[in-house]
Amino acid sequence: MSSDYIPRLRRELLRAGATKPSRLRWAHPARTLRPLAGVAAVALVVVAVVLAFPRGAEQPSETATANPIELSYRVDPADSASAARVMRERLAALGVRGASVSASGAVLAITAPDSARADVTALTRSGRFAVYDWERSVLGPRGTPAPADEDVTGGQDAGRAAAVSKAEAGERAGDGQVVRAEGGASDGWFALGGKPALTNADIERAHAAVDPNTKEPIVALELTPEGEDAFTALTRAVARRGGENAVPASGLEAAQHFAIVVDDRIVSVPFIDFRQVPDGIDGATGMQISGGLTPETARQLAALLSAGPLNAPLQPAG
């Protein structure tokens, strides 16, 4: 990778930002293809994956121990012990002081400061993390991948363009996963098939940080040795496929993507610049989740991913 690659991407991103809203927002009503200048925003996400993130950026939750509340949730009695352990670890990772978790039969009780109510609620999601090879995983009308069909993959606007209704995505999915389009549009869905390249089991540690290039909040992920190998293999395959599909002397139109999914939401669909990283990205450098995060939601998401997933999201009791 050339030494001036990141500075050049910064300049491209600034130029793109002057004419177009950032794609890293929760909602995007437009479904037009990204121009190449806009594509630089996604390339920066991929490049940022290889950067080191300072642990000093992690912020503990500033919760007081006064005015405790008790929140009760329904849970499968067979899963209660596991759910209690996961919630304890998530609360500790978020830095919620004075919290306790107990399970009795089909009820999980969480006692925490009233000021931590929003944090507790944010941690009751399943927290299932998955990374997919986008073009090889997104399913078309026949319930099979169509890597070369932009009406299925979305092409340069992967993860947003070509989305369908939830019902249609469900018909395509079969035993696969139905996920909301990037940005969380309620009417935009995709079906993903096959096994993800990475899951929660591949996360060694998750922590909130700040991207040193964009200064935006992110969640930095350190991977297990198995996760590092899987991420390296994934990005290598994606990069090489883009290079094989590229027309000589062309731009990044042939670039291929991977998708980061948390529960039923596509968080990001970065592309791999096959010209700069033809053999992919070394998984030992870790990876990141970015896009539409605030410092608070970055802390919550990092804590959510710090203790493995729940078998099901917790539902309030009573």
Protein backbone atom coordinates (compact mmCIF):
# COMPACT_ATOMS: atom_id res chain seq x y z
CA MET A 1 0.00 0.00 0.00
CA SER A 2 1.51 3.36 -1.03
CA SER A 3 2.35 5.84 1.73
CA ASP A 4 0.10 8.57 0.32
CA TYR A 5 -2.96 6.34 -0.08
CA ILE A 6 -4.83 7.41 3.06
CA PRO A 7 -4.15 11.18 2.53
CA ARG A 8 -5.45 10.86 -1.03
CA LEU A 9 -8.58 9.13 0.19
CA ARG A 10 -9.10 11.87 2.75
CA ARG A 11 -9.00 14.50 -0.01
CA GLU A 12 -11.44 12.48 -2.14
CA LEU A 13 -13.76 12.07 0.84
CA LEU A 14 -13.72 15.81 1.56
CA ARG A 15 -14.53 16.59 -2.05
CA ALA A 16 -17.34 14.05 -2.03
CA GLY A 17 -18.70 15.44 1.23
CA ALA A 18 -19.00 18.90 -0.32
CA THR A 19 -21.53 17.68 -2.86
CA LYS A 20 -23.17 14.68 -1.23
CA PRO A 21 -24.37 13.68 2.28
CA SER A 22 -22.30 11.08 4.05
CA ARG A 23 -23.47 7.51 3.45
CA LEU A 24 -22.76 6.71 7.10
CA ARG A 25 -26.20 7.76 8.32
CA TRP A 26 -29.06 5.71 9.69
CA ALA A 27 -31.53 6.55 6.93
CA HIS A 28 -30.94 7.10 3.22
CA PRO A 29 -34.13 7.63 1.20
CA ALA A 30 -32.22 7.85 -2.09
CA ARG A 31 -31.19 4.62 -3.78
CA THR A 32 -29.00 5.99 -6.56
CA LEU A 33 -25.60 4.47 -7.30
CA ARG A 34 -22.62 6.08 -5.64
CA PRO A 35 -20.36 8.09 -7.97
CA LEU A 36 -16.70 7.14 -7.74
CA ALA A 37 -15.96 10.19 -5.59
CA GLY A 38 -18.56 8.99 -3.11
CA VAL A 39 -17.11 5.50 -3.24
CA ALA A 40 -14.02 6.90 -1.55
CA ALA A 41 -16.04 7.11 1.67
CA VAL A 42 -16.43 3.35 1.69
CA ALA A 43 -12.83 2.78 0.70
CA LEU A 44 -11.80 4.78 3.74
CA VAL A 45 -13.80 2.39 5.92
CA VAL A 46 -11.80 -0.52 4.54
CA VAL A 47 -8.47 1.23 4.90
CA ALA A 48 -9.34 2.21 8.45
CA VAL A 49 -9.65 -1.48 9.26
CA VAL A 50 -5.87 -1.81 9.19
CA LEU A 51 -5.22 1.02 11.62
CA ALA A 52 -4.50 0.64 15.34
CA PHE A 53 -7.12 2.08 17.66
CA PRO A 54 -6.07 3.64 20.99
CA ARG A 55 -7.61 1.95 23.99
CA GLY A 56 -7.55 5.29 25.76
CA ALA A 57 -10.55 6.33 23.63
CA GLU A 58 -12.79 3.89 25.48
CA GLN A 59 -15.19 5.68 27.81
CA PRO A 60 -16.80 4.04 30.87
CA SER A 61 -20.45 4.68 31.59
CA GLU A 62 -20.98 7.56 33.98
CA THR A 63 -23.81 6.07 36.00
CA ALA A 64 -24.56 6.79 39.62
CA THR A 65 -25.61 4.18 42.14
CA ALA A 66 -28.52 6.22 43.56
CA ASN A 67 -32.19 5.61 42.73
CA PRO A 68 -31.93 1.95 41.70
CA ILE A 69 -34.63 0.40 39.51
CA GLU A 70 -35.46 -3.22 38.79
CA LEU A 71 -36.22 -4.27 35.22
CA SER A 72 -37.69 -7.72 34.63
CA TYR A 73 -37.49 -9.72 31.40
CA ARG A 74 -38.97 -12.98 30.19
CA VAL A 75 -36.45 -15.72 29.49
CA ASP A 76 -36.52 -19.41 28.64
CA PRO A 77 -35.77 -21.16 31.95
CA ALA A 78 -33.29 -23.39 30.13
CA ASP A 79 -31.38 -20.26 29.03
CA SER A 80 -31.72 -18.20 32.20
CA ALA A 81 -28.26 -18.93 33.65
CA SER A 82 -26.55 -18.21 30.33
CA ALA A 83 -28.57 -15.04 29.78
CA ALA A 84 -27.73 -13.79 33.27
CA ARG A 85 -24.02 -14.37 32.68
CA VAL A 86 -24.10 -12.56 29.32
CA MET A 87 -25.94 -9.58 30.80
CA ARG A 88 -23.53 -9.33 33.74
CA GLU A 89 -20.58 -9.29 31.36
CA ARG A 90 -22.22 -6.72 29.08
CA LEU A 91 -23.07 -4.40 31.98
CA ALA A 92 -19.53 -4.69 33.31
CA ALA A 93 -18.07 -3.96 29.87
CA LEU A 94 -20.24 -0.86 29.59
CA GLY A 95 -19.13 0.27 33.04
CA VAL A 96 -22.59 0.40 34.63
CA ARG A 97 -21.85 0.61 38.34
CA GLY A 98 -24.16 -0.80 41.00
CA ALA A 99 -25.88 -3.25 38.62
CA SER A 100 -26.86 -6.81 39.50
CA VAL A 101 -28.52 -9.60 37.55
CA SER A 102 -30.50 -12.54 38.93
CA ALA A 103 -32.55 -15.28 37.30
CA SER A 104 -35.49 -17.15 38.75
CA GLY A 105 -37.43 -19.52 36.56
CA ALA A 106 -38.65 -17.65 33.48
CA VAL A 107 -37.77 -14.18 34.79
CA LEU A 108 -34.46 -12.34 34.55
CA ALA A 109 -34.23 -9.36 36.93
CA ILE A 110 -31.74 -6.54 36.44
CA THR A 111 -31.20 -3.97 39.18
CA ALA A 112 -29.37 -0.86 38.04
CA PRO A 113 -29.27 2.91 38.60
CA ASP A 114 -32.23 4.68 37.04
CA SER A 115 -29.77 6.73 34.97
CA ALA A 116 -28.63 3.50 33.28
CA ARG A 117 -32.09 2.53 32.01
CA ALA A 118 -31.23 3.30 28.36
CA ASP A 119 -27.96 1.37 28.64
CA VAL A 120 -29.70 -1.70 30.06
CA THR A 121 -32.33 -1.61 27.32
CA ALA A 122 -29.64 -1.35 24.62
CA LEU A 123 -27.95 -4.48 25.97
CA THR A 124 -31.04 -6.71 25.80
CA ARG A 125 -30.66 -7.33 22.06
CA SER A 126 -29.41 -10.71 20.89
CA GLY A 127 -26.15 -9.16 19.71
CA ARG A 128 -25.51 -11.68 16.93
CA PHE A 129 -22.54 -10.58 14.85
CA ALA A 130 -21.77 -11.88 11.37
CA VAL A 131 -19.54 -10.93 8.46
CA TYR A 132 -20.48 -12.15 4.97
CA ASP A 133 -18.90 -12.13 1.55
CA TRP A 134 -21.62 -9.88 0.11
CA GLU A 135 -21.71 -10.84 -3.56
CA ARG A 136 -21.47 -14.56 -2.77
CA SER A 137 -24.11 -14.44 -0.01
CA VAL A 138 -26.95 -12.11 -1.04
CA LEU A 139 -29.77 -14.13 -2.59
CA GLY A 140 -31.77 -13.38 -5.71
CA PRO A 141 -35.37 -14.23 -6.69
CA ARG A 142 -34.54 -17.92 -7.10
CA GLY A 143 -33.06 -18.13 -3.62
CA THR A 144 -29.51 -18.46 -4.94
CA PRO A 145 -26.62 -15.99 -5.14
CA ALA A 146 -26.15 -14.00 -8.34
CA PRO A 147 -22.75 -12.30 -7.87
CA ALA A 148 -22.76 -10.63 -11.29
CA ASP A 149 -26.35 -9.34 -11.16
CA GLU A 150 -26.50 -5.78 -9.81
CA ASP A 151 -30.28 -6.11 -9.47
CA VAL A 152 -29.47 -8.58 -6.69
CA THR A 153 -26.20 -7.23 -5.20
CA GLY A 154 -26.79 -3.50 -5.67
CA GLY A 155 -23.51 -3.10 -7.55
CA GLN A 156 -21.54 -0.08 -6.36
CA ASP A 157 -24.36 0.74 -3.92
CA ALA A 158 -24.20 -2.70 -2.31
CA GLY A 159 -26.32 -3.11 0.79
CA ARG A 160 -28.81 -0.39 -0.14
CA ALA A 161 -29.69 -0.56 -3.83
CA ALA A 162 -31.63 -3.66 -4.94
CA ALA A 163 -33.31 -4.07 -1.54
CA VAL A 164 -36.76 -5.67 -1.56
CA SER A 165 -39.69 -5.91 0.84
CA LYS A 166 -39.34 -7.97 4.00
CA ALA A 167 -41.86 -10.48 2.68
CA GLU A 168 -39.95 -11.00 -0.56
CA ALA A 169 -36.65 -11.27 1.28
CA GLY A 170 -38.22 -13.91 3.50
CA GLU A 171 -39.31 -15.91 0.46
CA ARG A 172 -35.77 -15.79 -0.92
CA ALA A 173 -34.05 -16.61 2.36
CA GLY A 174 -35.23 -20.14 3.04
CA ASP A 175 -32.93 -21.22 5.89
CA GLY A 176 -30.87 -18.06 5.48
CA GLN A 177 -31.02 -14.69 7.22
CA VAL A 178 -33.27 -11.73 6.45
CA VAL A 179 -31.57 -8.39 7.15
CA ARG A 180 -32.49 -4.72 6.95
CA ALA A 181 -30.74 -2.62 4.33
CA GLU A 182 -27.81 -0.48 5.39
CA GLY A 183 -29.24 2.64 7.00
CA GLY A 184 -32.11 0.71 8.59
CA ALA A 185 -34.82 1.54 6.03
CA SER A 186 -37.93 -0.32 7.20
CA ASP A 187 -38.96 -1.13 3.62
CA GLY A 188 -35.54 -2.28 2.43
CA TRP A 189 -34.46 -5.88 3.08
CA PHE A 190 -32.07 -8.52 1.75
CA ALA A 191 -31.79 -12.29 2.10
CA LEU A 192 -28.38 -13.76 2.94
CA GLY A 193 -27.54 -17.42 2.52
CA GLY A 194 -24.70 -19.69 3.55
CA LYS A 195 -22.49 -19.49 6.61
CA PRO A 196 -20.94 -16.16 7.59
CA ALA A 197 -17.17 -15.87 7.38
CA LEU A 198 -16.97 -14.52 10.96
CA THR A 199 -19.29 -14.65 13.98
CA ASN A 200 -19.25 -13.65 17.66
CA ALA A 201 -16.91 -16.56 18.34
CA ASP A 202 -14.22 -14.77 16.32
CA ILE A 203 -14.25 -11.63 18.51
CA GLU A 204 -11.55 -11.52 21.17
CA ARG A 205 -12.38 -8.03 22.42
CA ALA A 206 -14.61 -5.12 21.43
CA HIS A 207 -14.13 -1.54 22.56
CA ALA A 208 -15.35 1.92 21.63
CA ALA A 209 -12.79 4.21 20.02
CA VAL A 210 -12.44 7.09 17.58
CA ASP A 211 -11.35 6.69 13.96
CA PRO A 212 -8.10 8.66 13.71
CA ASN A 213 -8.92 9.72 10.14
CA THR A 214 -12.60 10.70 10.29
CA LYS A 215 -12.71 11.46 14.05
CA GLU A 216 -16.01 9.55 14.17
CA PRO A 217 -16.95 7.06 16.91
CA ILE A 218 -16.30 3.43 16.00
CA VAL A 219 -16.27 0.00 17.60
CA ALA A 220 -12.84 -1.59 17.22
CA LEU A 221 -12.72 -5.38 17.18
CA GLU A 222 -9.73 -7.50 18.10
CA LEU A 223 -10.08 -10.97 16.61
CA THR A 224 -9.17 -14.41 17.87
CA PRO A 225 -6.40 -16.24 15.95
CA GLU A 226 -9.13 -18.14 14.09
CA GLY A 227 -10.96 -14.89 13.40
CA GLU A 228 -7.78 -13.26 12.08
CA ASP A 229 -7.29 -16.12 9.63
CA ALA A 230 -10.94 -15.99 8.57
CA PHE A 231 -10.87 -12.22 7.98
CA THR A 232 -7.64 -12.47 6.00
CA ALA A 233 -9.11 -15.24 3.84
CA LEU A 234 -12.38 -13.34 3.32
CA THR A 235 -10.77 -10.07 2.27
CA ARG A 236 -8.27 -11.89 0.05
CA ALA A 237 -11.09 -13.65 -1.81
CA VAL A 238 -13.06 -10.40 -2.17
CA ALA A 239 -10.01 -8.46 -3.40
CA ARG A 240 -8.96 -11.09 -5.90
CA ARG A 241 -12.47 -11.39 -7.30
CA GLY A 242 -12.57 -7.65 -7.86
CA GLY A 243 -9.22 -7.77 -9.66
CA GLU A 244 -10.37 -10.64 -11.85
CA ASN A 245 -13.56 -8.78 -12.82
CA ALA A 246 -11.84 -5.47 -13.52
CA VAL A 247 -11.34 -4.11 -17.01
CA PRO A 248 -7.73 -2.97 -17.60
CA ALA A 249 -7.17 0.74 -16.93
CA SER A 250 -10.65 1.05 -15.39
CA GLY A 251 -11.56 2.42 -11.96
CA LEU A 252 -13.09 0.64 -8.99
CA GLU A 253 -16.39 -0.28 -10.65
CA ALA A 254 -15.55 -3.98 -10.28
CA ALA A 255 -14.74 -3.69 -6.56
CA GLN A 256 -16.36 -6.38 -4.43
CA HIS A 257 -17.75 -6.10 -0.89
CA PHE A 258 -18.17 -7.76 2.49
CA ALA A 259 -21.07 -7.04 4.85
CA ILE A 260 -21.04 -6.52 8.63
CA VAL A 261 -24.34 -7.57 10.21
CA VAL A 262 -25.53 -7.21 13.81
CA ASP A 263 -28.80 -9.02 14.51
CA ASP A 264 -31.10 -8.13 11.60
CA ARG A 265 -29.32 -4.93 10.54
CA ILE A 266 -26.61 -4.45 7.93
CA VAL A 267 -24.20 -2.10 9.67
CA SER A 268 -21.78 -1.57 6.80
CA VAL A 269 -20.90 -2.97 3.37
CA PRO A 270 -17.31 -1.85 2.71
CA PHE A 271 -15.58 -2.65 -0.56
CA ILE A 272 -12.01 -3.87 -0.97
CA ASP A 273 -9.75 -1.77 -3.19
CA PHE A 274 -8.12 -4.58 -5.16
CA ARG A 275 -5.55 -2.17 -6.59
CA GLN A 276 -4.18 -1.24 -3.16
CA VAL A 277 -4.68 -4.54 -1.30
CA PRO A 278 -4.74 -7.24 -4.01
CA ASP A 279 -4.20 -9.97 -1.39
CA GLY A 280 -6.72 -8.61 1.12
CA ILE A 281 -6.20 -7.28 4.65
CA ASP A 282 -4.22 -8.96 7.41
CA GLY A 283 -6.72 -10.02 10.07
CA ALA A 284 -4.11 -9.53 12.78
CA THR A 285 -4.72 -5.78 12.53
CA GLY A 286 -8.36 -6.25 13.59
CA MET A 287 -11.41 -4.60 12.09
CA GLN A 288 -13.95 -1.93 12.94
CA ILE A 289 -17.65 -1.12 12.88
CA SER A 290 -18.53 2.43 11.90
CA GLY A 291 -21.40 4.45 10.51
CA GLY A 292 -24.03 6.50 12.28
CA LEU A 293 -22.57 5.88 15.73
CA THR A 294 -22.48 8.37 18.58
CA PRO A 295 -20.02 7.99 21.46
CA GLU A 296 -22.88 6.52 23.52
CA THR A 297 -24.09 4.02 20.91
CA ALA A 298 -20.49 3.00 20.15
CA ARG A 299 -20.00 2.15 23.84
CA GLN A 300 -23.28 0.25 23.91
CA LEU A 301 -22.49 -1.73 20.77
CA ALA A 302 -19.00 -2.60 22.03
CA ALA A 303 -20.50 -3.89 25.28
CA LEU A 304 -23.18 -5.79 23.35
CA LEU A 305 -20.50 -7.67 21.43
CA SER A 306 -18.21 -8.23 24.40
CA ALA A 307 -19.87 -11.32 25.86
CA GLY A 308 -21.30 -13.36 23.03
CA PRO A 309 -24.94 -13.37 21.86
CA LEU A 310 -28.14 -14.11 23.73
CA ASN A 311 -30.19 -16.98 22.34
CA ALA A 312 -33.06 -14.48 21.92
CA PRO A 313 -33.58 -10.80 22.68
CA LEU A 314 -34.95 -10.16 26.15
CA GLN A 315 -38.61 -9.11 26.28
CA PRO A 316 -39.98 -7.07 29.21
CA ALA A 317 -41.95 -9.18 31.67
CA GLY A 318 -45.45 -8.19 32.73
